[in-house]
């Protein structure tokens, strides 16, 4: 049970770091941890006419980040983003799915527009 709580705490910390990273690059955080029946989106952010639904992955090492995200996880985020888009995107906005990978001692790796259905 303890390791699950630790993982939850690390995940929340990673999401906070990712939110700060985005904010420093001109993004406005619209929401965190949005859950719908088909999945969850860690962060939703806006920059101009772009709305990004962002999956954040925190790993203990940079090497472990290479396997942190896969097609199954991205499909879950894509389904959740599709359900949430009407709430956060306005007519004429562009919408995309991004991933931010984090590991101690490394700069965040922001991968834009990672999912194309």
PDB file of N, CA and C in Angstrom:
ATOM      1  N   UNK A   1       0.830  -1.195   0.000  1.00  0.00           N
ATOM      2  CA  UNK A   1       0.000   0.000   0.000  1.00  0.00           C
ATOM      3  C   UNK A   1       0.871   1.253   0.000  1.00  0.00           C
ATOM      4  N   UNK A   2       1.929   1.220   0.753  1.00  0.00           N
ATOM      5  CA  UNK A   2       2.810   2.378   0.855  1.00  0.00           C
ATOM      6  C   UNK A   2       3.385   2.769  -0.511  1.00  0.00           C
ATOM      7  N   UNK A   3       3.791   1.799  -1.314  1.00  0.00           N
ATOM      8  CA  UNK A   3       4.387   2.135  -2.605  1.00  0.00           C
ATOM      9  C   UNK A   3       3.368   2.803  -3.531  1.00  0.00           C
ATOM     10  N   UNK A   4       2.095   2.430  -3.424  1.00  0.00           N
ATOM     11  CA  UNK A   4       1.057   3.085  -4.224  1.00  0.00           C
ATOM     12  C   UNK A   4       0.923   4.558  -3.830  1.00  0.00           C
ATOM     13  N   UNK A   5       0.965   4.826  -2.522  1.00  0.00           N
ATOM     14  CA  UNK A   5       0.894   6.216  -2.047  1.00  0.00           C
ATOM     15  C   UNK A   5       2.115   7.003  -2.497  1.00  0.00           C
ATOM     16  N   UNK A   6       3.280   6.375  -2.462  1.00  0.00           N
ATOM     17  CA  UNK A   6       4.498   7.040  -2.930  1.00  0.00           C
ATOM     18  C   UNK A   6       4.404   7.345  -4.426  1.00  0.00           C
ATOM     19  N   UNK A   7       3.910   6.385  -5.191  1.00  0.00           N
ATOM     20  CA  UNK A   7       3.762   6.596  -6.635  1.00  0.00           C
ATOM     21  C   UNK A   7       2.781   7.734  -6.908  1.00  0.00           C
ATOM     22  N   UNK A   8       1.698   7.784  -6.154  1.00  0.00           N
ATOM     23  CA  UNK A   8       0.717   8.860  -6.300  1.00  0.00           C
ATOM     24  C   UNK A   8       1.351  10.216  -6.004  1.00  0.00           C
ATOM     25  N   UNK A   9       2.136  10.276  -4.949  1.00  0.00           N
ATOM     26  CA  UNK A   9       2.814  11.525  -4.568  1.00  0.00           C
ATOM     27  C   UNK A   9       3.821  11.948  -5.648  1.00  0.00           C
ATOM     28  N   UNK A  10       4.583  10.994  -6.165  1.00  0.00           N
ATOM     29  CA  UNK A  10       5.538  11.314  -7.239  1.00  0.00           C
ATOM     30  C   UNK A  10       4.796  11.795  -8.484  1.00  0.00           C
ATOM     31  N   UNK A  11       3.670  11.148  -8.795  1.00  0.00           N
ATOM     32  CA  UNK A  11       2.887  11.560  -9.959  1.00  0.00           C
ATOM     33  C   UNK A  11       2.365  12.975  -9.829  1.00  0.00           C
ATOM     34  N   UNK A  12       1.842  13.302  -8.663  1.00  0.00           N
ATOM     35  CA  UNK A  12       1.348  14.678  -8.436  1.00  0.00           C
ATOM     36  C   UNK A  12       2.490  15.690  -8.514  1.00  0.00           C
ATOM     37  N   UNK A  13       3.637  15.330  -7.961  1.00  0.00           N
ATOM     38  CA  UNK A  13       4.799  16.225  -8.033  1.00  0.00           C
ATOM     39  C   UNK A  13       5.216  16.430  -9.488  1.00  0.00           C
ATOM     40  N   UNK A  14       5.233  15.342 -10.254  1.00  0.00           N
ATOM     41  CA  UNK A  14       5.570  15.442 -11.673  1.00  0.00           C
ATOM     42  C   UNK A  14       4.602  16.337 -12.422  1.00  0.00           C
ATOM     43  N   UNK A  15       3.313  16.224 -12.114  1.00  0.00           N
ATOM     44  CA  UNK A  15       2.321  17.072 -12.764  1.00  0.00           C
ATOM     45  C   UNK A  15       2.518  18.537 -12.395  1.00  0.00           C
ATOM     46  N   UNK A  16       2.902  18.808 -11.155  1.00  0.00           N
ATOM     47  CA  UNK A  16       3.170  20.191 -10.746  1.00  0.00           C
ATOM     48  C   UNK A  16       4.384  20.751 -11.475  1.00  0.00           C
ATOM     49  N   UNK A  17       5.432  19.947 -11.588  1.00  0.00           N
ATOM     50  CA  UNK A  17       6.634  20.385 -12.320  1.00  0.00           C
ATOM     51  C   UNK A  17       6.281  20.644 -13.782  1.00  0.00           C
ATOM     52  N   UNK A  18       5.518  19.743 -14.378  1.00  0.00           N
ATOM     53  CA  UNK A  18       5.120  19.911 -15.782  1.00  0.00           C
ATOM     54  C   UNK A  18       4.276  21.171 -15.960  1.00  0.00           C
ATOM     55  N   UNK A  19       3.382  21.438 -15.011  1.00  0.00           N
ATOM     56  CA  UNK A  19       2.545  22.646 -15.097  1.00  0.00           C
ATOM     57  C   UNK A  19       3.419  23.900 -15.040  1.00  0.00           C
ATOM     58  N   UNK A  20       4.386  23.927 -14.138  1.00  0.00           N
ATOM     59  CA  UNK A  20       5.301  25.073 -14.062  1.00  0.00           C
ATOM     60  C   UNK A  20       6.103  25.217 -15.356  1.00  0.00           C
ATOM     61  N   UNK A  21       6.588  24.114 -15.866  1.00  0.00           N
ATOM     62  CA  UNK A  21       7.350  24.108 -17.116  1.00  0.00           C
ATOM     63  C   UNK A  21       6.528  24.735 -18.245  1.00  0.00           C
ATOM     64  N   UNK A  22       5.282  24.296 -18.366  1.00  0.00           N
ATOM     65  CA  UNK A  22       4.411  24.846 -19.406  1.00  0.00           C
ATOM     66  C   UNK A  22       4.137  26.332 -19.173  1.00  0.00           C
ATOM     67  N   UNK A  23       3.836  26.693 -17.926  1.00  0.00           N
ATOM     68  CA  UNK A  23       3.541  28.085 -17.591  1.00  0.00           C
ATOM     69  C   UNK A  23       4.719  28.999 -17.963  1.00  0.00           C
ATOM     70  N   UNK A  24       5.923  28.547 -17.684  1.00  0.00           N
ATOM     71  CA  UNK A  24       7.112  29.340 -18.016  1.00  0.00           C
ATOM     72  C   UNK A  24       7.293  29.505 -19.524  1.00  0.00           C
ATOM     73  N   UNK A  25       6.661  28.641 -20.301  1.00  0.00           N
ATOM     74  CA  UNK A  25       6.735  28.714 -21.758  1.00  0.00           C
ATOM     75  C   UNK A  25       5.482  29.336 -22.375  1.00  0.00           C
ATOM     76  N   UNK A  26       4.701  30.012 -21.532  1.00  0.00           N
ATOM     77  CA  UNK A  26       3.572  30.775 -22.057  1.00  0.00           C
ATOM     78  C   UNK A  26       2.239  30.064 -22.110  1.00  0.00           C
ATOM     79  N   UNK A  27       2.159  28.859 -21.574  1.00  0.00           N
ATOM     80  CA  UNK A  27       0.893  28.136 -21.541  1.00  0.00           C
ATOM     81  C   UNK A  27       0.113  28.520 -20.294  1.00  0.00           C
ATOM     82  N   UNK A  28      -1.202  28.475 -20.402  1.00  0.00           N
ATOM     83  CA  UNK A  28      -2.083  28.693 -19.249  1.00  0.00           C
ATOM     84  C   UNK A  28      -2.702  27.347 -18.903  1.00  0.00           C
ATOM     85  N   UNK A  29      -2.553  26.926 -17.667  1.00  0.00           N
ATOM     86  CA  UNK A  29      -3.108  25.648 -17.231  1.00  0.00           C
ATOM     87  C   UNK A  29      -4.606  25.830 -16.988  1.00  0.00           C
ATOM     88  N   UNK A  30      -5.408  25.073 -17.709  1.00  0.00           N
ATOM     89  CA  UNK A  30      -6.860  25.160 -17.590  1.00  0.00           C
ATOM     90  C   UNK A  30      -7.393  24.198 -16.533  1.00  0.00           C
ATOM     91  N   UNK A  31      -6.755  23.040 -16.418  1.00  0.00           N
ATOM     92  CA  UNK A  31      -7.239  22.047 -15.470  1.00  0.00           C
ATOM     93  C   UNK A  31      -6.173  20.984 -15.230  1.00  0.00           C
ATOM     94  N   UNK A  32      -6.322  20.316 -14.079  1.00  0.00           N
ATOM     95  CA  UNK A  32      -5.449  19.194 -13.720  1.00  0.00           C
ATOM     96  C   UNK A  32      -6.317  17.985 -13.393  1.00  0.00           C
ATOM     97  N   UNK A  33      -5.800  16.823 -13.721  1.00  0.00           N
ATOM     98  CA  UNK A  33      -6.441  15.551 -13.364  1.00  0.00           C
ATOM     99  C   UNK A  33      -7.930  15.518 -13.680  1.00  0.00           C
ATOM    100  N   UNK A  34      -8.233  15.709 -14.911  1.00  0.00           N
ATOM    101  CA  UNK A  34      -9.628  15.636 -15.358  1.00  0.00           C
ATOM    102  C   UNK A  34      -9.965  14.184 -15.676  1.00  0.00           C
ATOM    103  N   UNK A  35     -10.959  13.662 -14.970  1.00  0.00           N
ATOM    104  CA  UNK A  35     -11.369  12.273 -15.162  1.00  0.00           C
ATOM    105  C   UNK A  35     -12.735  12.217 -15.817  1.00  0.00           C
ATOM    106  N   UNK A  36     -12.850  11.297 -16.753  1.00  0.00           N
ATOM    107  CA  UNK A  36     -14.134  10.969 -17.364  1.00  0.00           C
ATOM    108  C   UNK A  36     -14.204   9.444 -17.412  1.00  0.00           C
ATOM    109  N   UNK A  37     -15.353   8.903 -17.774  1.00  0.00           N
ATOM    110  CA  UNK A  37     -15.533   7.461 -17.753  1.00  0.00           C
ATOM    111  C   UNK A  37     -14.516   6.672 -18.560  1.00  0.00           C
ATOM    112  N   UNK A  38     -13.992   7.263 -19.625  1.00  0.00           N
ATOM    113  CA  UNK A  38     -13.067   6.539 -20.505  1.00  0.00           C
ATOM    114  C   UNK A  38     -11.601   6.740 -20.156  1.00  0.00           C
ATOM    115  N   UNK A  39     -11.285   7.600 -19.195  1.00  0.00           N
ATOM    116  CA  UNK A  39      -9.887   7.811 -18.838  1.00  0.00           C
ATOM    117  C   UNK A  39      -9.662   9.114 -18.102  1.00  0.00           C
ATOM    118  N   UNK A  40      -8.419   9.533 -18.101  1.00  0.00           N
ATOM    119  CA  UNK A  40      -8.007  10.721 -17.365  1.00  0.00           C
ATOM    120  C   UNK A  40      -6.960  11.484 -18.165  1.00  0.00           C
ATOM    121  N   UNK A  41      -6.993  12.794 -18.024  1.00  0.00           N
ATOM    122  CA  UNK A  41      -5.976  13.660 -18.612  1.00  0.00           C
ATOM    123  C   UNK A  41      -5.292  14.369 -17.456  1.00  0.00           C
ATOM    124  N   UNK A  42      -3.947  14.319 -17.432  1.00  0.00           N
ATOM    125  CA  UNK A  42      -3.203  14.909 -16.318  1.00  0.00           C
ATOM    126  C   UNK A  42      -3.289  16.433 -16.303  1.00  0.00           C
ATOM    127  N   UNK A  43      -3.040  17.052 -17.448  1.00  0.00           N
ATOM    128  CA  UNK A  43      -3.085  18.518 -17.547  1.00  0.00           C
ATOM    129  C   UNK A  43      -3.801  18.913 -18.825  1.00  0.00           C
ATOM    130  N   UNK A  44      -4.523  20.016 -18.749  1.00  0.00           N
ATOM    131  CA  UNK A  44      -5.103  20.628 -19.940  1.00  0.00           C
ATOM    132  C   UNK A  44      -4.601  22.061 -19.949  1.00  0.00           C
ATOM    133  N   UNK A  45      -3.985  22.461 -21.068  1.00  0.00           N
ATOM    134  CA  UNK A  45      -3.357  23.776 -21.133  1.00  0.00           C
ATOM    135  C   UNK A  45      -3.707  24.466 -22.444  1.00  0.00           C
ATOM    136  N   UNK A  46      -3.644  25.789 -22.409  1.00  0.00           N
ATOM    137  CA  UNK A  46      -3.941  26.611 -23.586  1.00  0.00           C
ATOM    138  C   UNK A  46      -2.793  27.572 -23.831  1.00  0.00           C
ATOM    139  N   UNK A  47      -2.481  27.737 -25.123  1.00  0.00           N
ATOM    140  CA  UNK A  47      -1.539  28.766 -25.567  1.00  0.00           C
ATOM    141  C   UNK A  47      -2.110  29.314 -26.865  1.00  0.00           C
ATOM    142  N   UNK A  48      -2.644  30.532 -26.784  1.00  0.00           N
ATOM    143  CA  UNK A  48      -3.305  31.105 -27.953  1.00  0.00           C
ATOM    144  C   UNK A  48      -4.526  30.290 -28.326  1.00  0.00           C
ATOM    145  N   UNK A  49      -4.579  29.831 -29.573  1.00  0.00           N
ATOM    146  CA  UNK A  49      -5.710  29.041 -30.072  1.00  0.00           C
ATOM    147  C   UNK A  49      -5.464  27.535 -29.961  1.00  0.00           C
ATOM    148  N   UNK A  50      -4.385  27.145 -29.278  1.00  0.00           N
ATOM    149  CA  UNK A  50      -4.050  25.727 -29.115  1.00  0.00           C
ATOM    150  C   UNK A  50      -4.458  25.254 -27.721  1.00  0.00           C
ATOM    151  N   UNK A  51      -5.184  24.134 -27.671  1.00  0.00           N
ATOM    152  CA  UNK A  51      -5.515  23.483 -26.408  1.00  0.00           C
ATOM    153  C   UNK A  51      -4.825  22.122 -26.431  1.00  0.00           C
ATOM    154  N   UNK A  52      -4.011  21.862 -25.426  1.00  0.00           N
ATOM    155  CA  UNK A  52      -3.272  20.601 -25.345  1.00  0.00           C
ATOM    156  C   UNK A  52      -3.767  19.778 -24.165  1.00  0.00           C
ATOM    157  N   UNK A  53      -4.026  18.516 -24.429  1.00  0.00           N
ATOM    158  CA  UNK A  53      -4.363  17.535 -23.406  1.00  0.00           C
ATOM    159  C   UNK A  53      -3.074  16.762 -23.167  1.00  0.00           C
ATOM    160  N   UNK A  54      -2.569  16.831 -21.937  1.00  0.00           N
ATOM    161  CA  UNK A  54      -1.186  16.418 -21.681  1.00  0.00           C
ATOM    162  C   UNK A  54      -1.112  15.267 -20.694  1.00  0.00           C
ATOM    163  N   UNK A  55      -0.416  14.224 -21.115  1.00  0.00           N
ATOM    164  CA  UNK A  55      -0.100  13.083 -20.249  1.00  0.00           C
ATOM    165  C   UNK A  55       1.291  13.338 -19.672  1.00  0.00           C
ATOM    166  N   UNK A  56       1.419  13.233 -18.353  1.00  0.00           N
ATOM    167  CA  UNK A  56       2.700  13.455 -17.679  1.00  0.00           C
ATOM    168  C   UNK A  56       3.180  12.126 -17.123  1.00  0.00           C
ATOM    169  N   UNK A  57       4.435  11.797 -17.397  1.00  0.00           N
ATOM    170  CA  UNK A  57       5.025  10.571 -16.868  1.00  0.00           C
ATOM    171  C   UNK A  57       6.306  10.913 -16.107  1.00  0.00           C
ATOM    172  N   UNK A  58       6.369  10.434 -14.881  1.00  0.00           N
ATOM    173  CA  UNK A  58       7.530  10.625 -14.009  1.00  0.00           C
ATOM    174  C   UNK A  58       8.157   9.258 -13.796  1.00  0.00           C
ATOM    175  N   UNK A  59       9.459   9.151 -14.011  1.00  0.00           N
ATOM    176  CA  UNK A  59      10.173   7.902 -13.776  1.00  0.00           C
ATOM    177  C   UNK A  59      11.431   8.189 -12.963  1.00  0.00           C
ATOM    178  N   UNK A  60      11.919   7.171 -12.307  1.00  0.00           N
ATOM    179  CA  UNK A  60      13.096   7.317 -11.441  1.00  0.00           C
ATOM    180  C   UNK A  60      14.368   7.570 -12.228  1.00  0.00           C
ATOM    181  N   UNK A  61      14.392   7.177 -13.498  1.00  0.00           N
ATOM    182  CA  UNK A  61      15.584   7.396 -14.315  1.00  0.00           C
ATOM    183  C   UNK A  61      15.172   7.795 -15.724  1.00  0.00           C
ATOM    184  N   UNK A  62      16.063   8.491 -16.410  1.00  0.00           N
ATOM    185  CA  UNK A  62      15.782   8.915 -17.785  1.00  0.00           C
ATOM    186  C   UNK A  62      15.643   7.699 -18.697  1.00  0.00           C
ATOM    187  N   UNK A  63      16.397   6.647 -18.430  1.00  0.00           N
ATOM    188  CA  UNK A  63      16.319   5.441 -19.255  1.00  0.00           C
ATOM    189  C   UNK A  63      14.921   4.823 -19.192  1.00  0.00           C
ATOM    190  N   UNK A  64      14.285   4.889 -18.044  1.00  0.00           N
ATOM    191  CA  UNK A  64      12.952   4.313 -17.886  1.00  0.00           C
ATOM    192  C   UNK A  64      11.882   5.118 -18.632  1.00  0.00           C
ATOM    193  N   UNK A  65      12.181   6.342 -19.009  1.00  0.00           N
ATOM    194  CA  UNK A  65      11.200   7.175 -19.713  1.00  0.00           C
ATOM    195  C   UNK A  65      10.876   6.644 -21.100  1.00  0.00           C
ATOM    196  N   UNK A  66      11.833   5.951 -21.717  1.00  0.00           N
ATOM    197  CA  UNK A  66      11.605   5.450 -23.069  1.00  0.00           C
ATOM    198  C   UNK A  66      10.441   4.477 -23.142  1.00  0.00           C
ATOM    199  N   UNK A  67      10.124   3.817 -22.039  1.00  0.00           N
ATOM    200  CA  UNK A  67       9.010   2.879 -22.032  1.00  0.00           C
ATOM    201  C   UNK A  67       7.820   3.399 -21.226  1.00  0.00           C
ATOM    202  N   UNK A  68       7.826   4.673 -20.867  1.00  0.00           N
ATOM    203  CA  UNK A  68       6.777   5.230 -20.010  1.00  0.00           C
ATOM    204  C   UNK A  68       5.457   5.427 -20.740  1.00  0.00           C
ATOM    205  N   UNK A  69       5.515   5.576 -22.046  1.00  0.00           N
ATOM    206  CA  UNK A  69       4.296   5.870 -22.805  1.00  0.00           C
ATOM    207  C   UNK A  69       4.212   4.906 -23.987  1.00  0.00           C
ATOM    208  N   UNK A  70       3.026   4.412 -24.237  1.00  0.00           N
ATOM    209  CA  UNK A  70       2.824   3.489 -25.354  1.00  0.00           C
ATOM    210  C   UNK A  70       1.470   3.783 -25.995  1.00  0.00           C
ATOM    211  N   UNK A  71       1.171   3.065 -27.062  1.00  0.00           N
ATOM    212  CA  UNK A  71      -0.067   3.316 -27.809  1.00  0.00           C
ATOM    213  C   UNK A  71      -1.304   3.097 -26.947  1.00  0.00           C
ATOM    214  N   UNK A  72      -1.295   2.101 -26.075  1.00  0.00           N
ATOM    215  CA  UNK A  72      -2.452   1.833 -25.220  1.00  0.00           C
ATOM    216  C   UNK A  72      -2.728   3.024 -24.317  1.00  0.00           C
ATOM    217  N   UNK A  73      -1.694   3.562 -23.668  1.00  0.00           N
ATOM    218  CA  UNK A  73      -1.875   4.728 -22.792  1.00  0.00           C
ATOM    219  C   UNK A  73      -2.334   5.948 -23.588  1.00  0.00           C
ATOM    220  N   UNK A  74      -1.763   6.135 -24.765  1.00  0.00           N
ATOM    221  CA  UNK A  74      -2.153   7.281 -25.590  1.00  0.00           C
ATOM    222  C   UNK A  74      -3.601   7.160 -26.061  1.00  0.00           C
ATOM    223  N   UNK A  75      -4.064   5.955 -26.365  1.00  0.00           N
ATOM    224  CA  UNK A  75      -5.468   5.773 -26.754  1.00  0.00           C
ATOM    225  C   UNK A  75      -6.397   6.177 -25.615  1.00  0.00           C
ATOM    226  N   UNK A  76      -6.025   5.813 -24.384  1.00  0.00           N
ATOM    227  CA  UNK A  76      -6.835   6.173 -23.208  1.00  0.00           C
ATOM    228  C   UNK A  76      -6.903   7.689 -23.060  1.00  0.00           C
ATOM    229  N   UNK A  77      -5.763   8.350 -23.207  1.00  0.00           N
ATOM    230  CA  UNK A  77      -5.726   9.814 -23.115  1.00  0.00           C
ATOM    231  C   UNK A  77      -6.535  10.421 -24.264  1.00  0.00           C
ATOM    232  N   UNK A  78      -6.422   9.865 -25.455  1.00  0.00           N
ATOM    233  CA  UNK A  78      -7.153  10.386 -26.615  1.00  0.00           C
ATOM    234  C   UNK A  78      -8.663  10.283 -26.405  1.00  0.00           C
ATOM    235  N   UNK A  79      -9.127   9.152 -25.856  1.00  0.00           N
ATOM    236  CA  UNK A  79     -10.570   9.000 -25.590  1.00  0.00           C
ATOM    237  C   UNK A  79     -11.034  10.030 -24.558  1.00  0.00           C
ATOM    238  N   UNK A  80     -10.232  10.217 -23.511  1.00  0.00           N
ATOM    239  CA  UNK A  80     -10.593  11.204 -22.490  1.00  0.00           C
ATOM    240  C   UNK A  80     -10.577  12.613 -23.081  1.00  0.00           C
ATOM    241  N   UNK A  81      -9.572  12.921 -23.891  1.00  0.00           N
ATOM    242  CA  UNK A  81      -9.474  14.249 -24.510  1.00  0.00           C
ATOM    243  C   UNK A  81     -10.671  14.515 -25.414  1.00  0.00           C
ATOM    244  N   UNK A  82     -11.095  13.500 -26.150  1.00  0.00           N
ATOM    245  CA  UNK A  82     -12.255  13.655 -27.023  1.00  0.00           C
ATOM    246  C   UNK A  82     -13.509  13.980 -26.208  1.00  0.00           C
ATOM    247  N   UNK A  83     -13.653  13.340 -25.064  1.00  0.00           N
ATOM    248  CA  UNK A  83     -14.812  13.596 -24.208  1.00  0.00           C
ATOM    249  C   UNK A  83     -14.738  14.976 -23.552  1.00  0.00           C
ATOM    250  N   UNK A  84     -13.521  15.430 -23.256  1.00  0.00           N
ATOM    251  CA  UNK A  84     -13.336  16.696 -22.543  1.00  0.00           C
ATOM    252  C   UNK A  84     -13.223  17.913 -23.461  1.00  0.00           C
ATOM    253  N   UNK A  85     -12.882  17.711 -24.706  1.00  0.00           N
ATOM    254  CA  UNK A  85     -12.629  18.831 -25.627  1.00  0.00           C
ATOM    255  C   UNK A  85     -13.770  19.843 -25.682  1.00  0.00           C
ATOM    256  N   UNK A  86     -15.030  19.417 -25.734  1.00  0.00           N
ATOM    257  CA  UNK A  86     -16.101  20.427 -25.797  1.00  0.00           C
ATOM    258  C   UNK A  86     -16.117  21.369 -24.585  1.00  0.00           C
ATOM    259  N   UNK A  87     -15.603  20.910 -23.462  1.00  0.00           N
ATOM    260  CA  UNK A  87     -15.582  21.751 -22.261  1.00  0.00           C
ATOM    261  C   UNK A  87     -14.454  22.784 -22.285  1.00  0.00           C
ATOM    262  N   UNK A  88     -13.355  22.482 -22.976  1.00  0.00           N
ATOM    263  CA  UNK A  88     -12.170  23.327 -22.888  1.00  0.00           C
ATOM    264  C   UNK A  88     -11.780  24.019 -24.193  1.00  0.00           C
ATOM    265  N   UNK A  89     -12.174  23.474 -25.326  1.00  0.00           N
ATOM    266  CA  UNK A  89     -11.821  24.066 -26.617  1.00  0.00           C
ATOM    267  C   UNK A  89     -13.003  24.864 -27.157  1.00  0.00           C
ATOM    268  N   UNK A  90     -12.681  25.993 -27.746  1.00  0.00           N
ATOM    269  CA  UNK A  90     -13.704  26.839 -28.365  1.00  0.00           C
ATOM    270  C   UNK A  90     -13.696  26.610 -29.874  1.00  0.00           C
ATOM    271  N   UNK A  91     -14.726  27.069 -30.525  1.00  0.00           N
ATOM    272  CA  UNK A  91     -14.782  26.968 -31.986  1.00  0.00           C
ATOM    273  C   UNK A  91     -13.544  27.632 -32.585  1.00  0.00           C
ATOM    274  N   UNK A  92     -12.896  26.955 -33.508  1.00  0.00           N
ATOM    275  CA  UNK A  92     -11.707  27.495 -34.152  1.00  0.00           C
ATOM    276  C   UNK A  92     -10.403  27.147 -33.462  1.00  0.00           C
ATOM    277  N   UNK A  93     -10.455  26.566 -32.278  1.00  0.00           N
ATOM    278  CA  UNK A  93      -9.230  26.160 -31.585  1.00  0.00           C
ATOM    279  C   UNK A  93      -8.645  24.909 -32.222  1.00  0.00           C
ATOM    280  N   UNK A  94      -7.345  24.799 -32.143  1.00  0.00           N
ATOM    281  CA  UNK A  94      -6.669  23.557 -32.493  1.00  0.00           C
ATOM    282  C   UNK A  94      -6.523  22.753 -31.212  1.00  0.00           C
ATOM    283  N   UNK A  95      -6.643  21.442 -31.321  1.00  0.00           N
ATOM    284  CA  UNK A  95      -6.549  20.552 -30.171  1.00  0.00           C
ATOM    285  C   UNK A  95      -5.495  19.496 -30.471  1.00  0.00           C
ATOM    286  N   UNK A  96      -4.676  19.188 -29.472  1.00  0.00           N
ATOM    287  CA  UNK A  96      -3.676  18.150 -29.662  1.00  0.00           C
ATOM    288  C   UNK A  96      -3.424  17.406 -28.349  1.00  0.00           C
ATOM    289  N   UNK A  97      -2.731  16.299 -28.462  1.00  0.00           N
ATOM    290  CA  UNK A  97      -2.338  15.520 -27.296  1.00  0.00           C
ATOM    291  C   UNK A  97      -0.824  15.553 -27.205  1.00  0.00           C
ATOM    292  N   UNK A  98      -0.327  15.971 -26.033  1.00  0.00           N
ATOM    293  CA  UNK A  98       1.108  16.059 -25.770  1.00  0.00           C
ATOM    294  C   UNK A  98       1.484  15.110 -24.648  1.00  0.00           C
ATOM    295  N   UNK A  99       2.780  14.862 -24.535  1.00  0.00           N
ATOM    296  CA  UNK A  99       3.329  14.089 -23.425  1.00  0.00           C
ATOM    297  C   UNK A  99       4.505  14.870 -22.860  1.00  0.00           C
ATOM    298  N   UNK A 100       4.604  14.908 -21.540  1.00  0.00           N
ATOM    299  CA  UNK A 100       5.777  15.468 -20.880  1.00  0.00           C
ATOM    300  C   UNK A 100       6.383  14.357 -20.037  1.00  0.00           C
ATOM    301  N   UNK A 101       7.658  14.061 -20.309  1.00  0.00           N
ATOM    302  CA  UNK A 101       8.387  13.029 -19.589  1.00  0.00           C
ATOM    303  C   UNK A 101       9.364  13.685 -18.619  1.00  0.00           C
ATOM    304  N   UNK A 102       9.369  13.187 -17.384  1.00  0.00           N
ATOM    305  CA  UNK A 102      10.192  13.764 -16.326  1.00  0.00           C
ATOM    306  C   UNK A 102      10.996  12.690 -15.611  1.00  0.00           C
ATOM    307  N   UNK A 103      12.232  13.026 -15.266  1.00  0.00           N
ATOM    308  CA  UNK A 103      13.085  12.170 -14.437  1.00  0.00           C
ATOM    309  C   UNK A 103      14.000  13.076 -13.622  1.00  0.00           C
ATOM    310  N   UNK A 104      14.366  12.649 -12.420  1.00  0.00           N
ATOM    311  CA  UNK A 104      15.237  13.483 -11.581  1.00  0.00           C
ATOM    312  C   UNK A 104      16.534  13.846 -12.303  1.00  0.00           C
ATOM    313  N   UNK A 105      16.904  15.110 -12.180  1.00  0.00           N
ATOM    314  CA  UNK A 105      18.166  15.573 -12.752  1.00  0.00           C
ATOM    315  C   UNK A 105      18.150  15.814 -14.247  1.00  0.00           C
ATOM    316  N   UNK A 106      16.983  15.744 -14.884  1.00  0.00           N
ATOM    317  CA  UNK A 106      16.880  15.962 -16.328  1.00  0.00           C
ATOM    318  C   UNK A 106      15.809  17.008 -16.612  1.00  0.00           C
ATOM    319  N   UNK A 107      16.021  17.768 -17.680  1.00  0.00           N
ATOM    320  CA  UNK A 107      15.014  18.722 -18.111  1.00  0.00           C
ATOM    321  C   UNK A 107      13.791  17.970 -18.589  1.00  0.00           C
ATOM    322  N   UNK A 108      12.623  18.553 -18.426  1.00  0.00           N
ATOM    323  CA  UNK A 108      11.415  17.901 -18.961  1.00  0.00           C
ATOM    324  C   UNK A 108      11.520  17.729 -20.471  1.00  0.00           C
ATOM    325  N   UNK A 109      11.014  16.617 -20.953  1.00  0.00           N
ATOM    326  CA  UNK A 109      10.965  16.359 -22.394  1.00  0.00           C
ATOM    327  C   UNK A 109       9.505  16.516 -22.821  1.00  0.00           C
ATOM    328  N   UNK A 110       9.225  17.578 -23.565  1.00  0.00           N
ATOM    329  CA  UNK A 110       7.861  17.880 -24.015  1.00  0.00           C
ATOM    330  C   UNK A 110       7.727  17.412 -25.458  1.00  0.00           C
ATOM    331  N   UNK A 111       6.852  16.438 -25.654  1.00  0.00           N
ATOM    332  CA  UNK A 111       6.603  15.921 -26.993  1.00  0.00           C
ATOM    333  C   UNK A 111       5.213  16.388 -27.415  1.00  0.00           C
ATOM    334  N   UNK A 112       5.155  17.204 -28.448  1.00  0.00           N
ATOM    335  CA  UNK A 112       3.912  17.803 -28.898  1.00  0.00           C
ATOM    336  C   UNK A 112       3.228  16.944 -29.950  1.00  0.00           C
ATOM    337  N   UNK A 113       1.888  16.925 -29.901  1.00  0.00           N
ATOM    338  CA  UNK A 113       1.068  16.294 -30.927  1.00  0.00           C
ATOM    339  C   UNK A 113       1.481  14.841 -31.174  1.00  0.00           C
ATOM    340  N   UNK A 114       1.476  14.045 -30.107  1.00  0.00           N
ATOM    341  CA  UNK A 114       1.984  12.675 -30.194  1.00  0.00           C
ATOM    342  C   UNK A 114       0.964  11.655 -30.680  1.00  0.00           C
ATOM    343  N   UNK A 115      -0.307  12.039 -30.776  1.00  0.00           N
ATOM    344  CA  UNK A 115      -1.340  11.063 -31.136  1.00  0.00           C
ATOM    345  C   UNK A 115      -2.084  11.510 -32.378  1.00  0.00           C
ATOM    346  N   UNK A 116      -2.076  10.664 -33.379  1.00  0.00           N
ATOM    347  CA  UNK A 116      -2.855  10.901 -34.591  1.00  0.00           C
ATOM    348  C   UNK A 116      -3.771   9.698 -34.775  1.00  0.00           C
ATOM    349  N   UNK A 117      -5.073   9.848 -34.531  1.00  0.00           N
ATOM    350  CA  UNK A 117      -5.976   8.679 -34.670  1.00  0.00           C
ATOM    351  C   UNK A 117      -6.019   8.120 -36.064  1.00  0.00           C
TER     352      UNK A 117
END
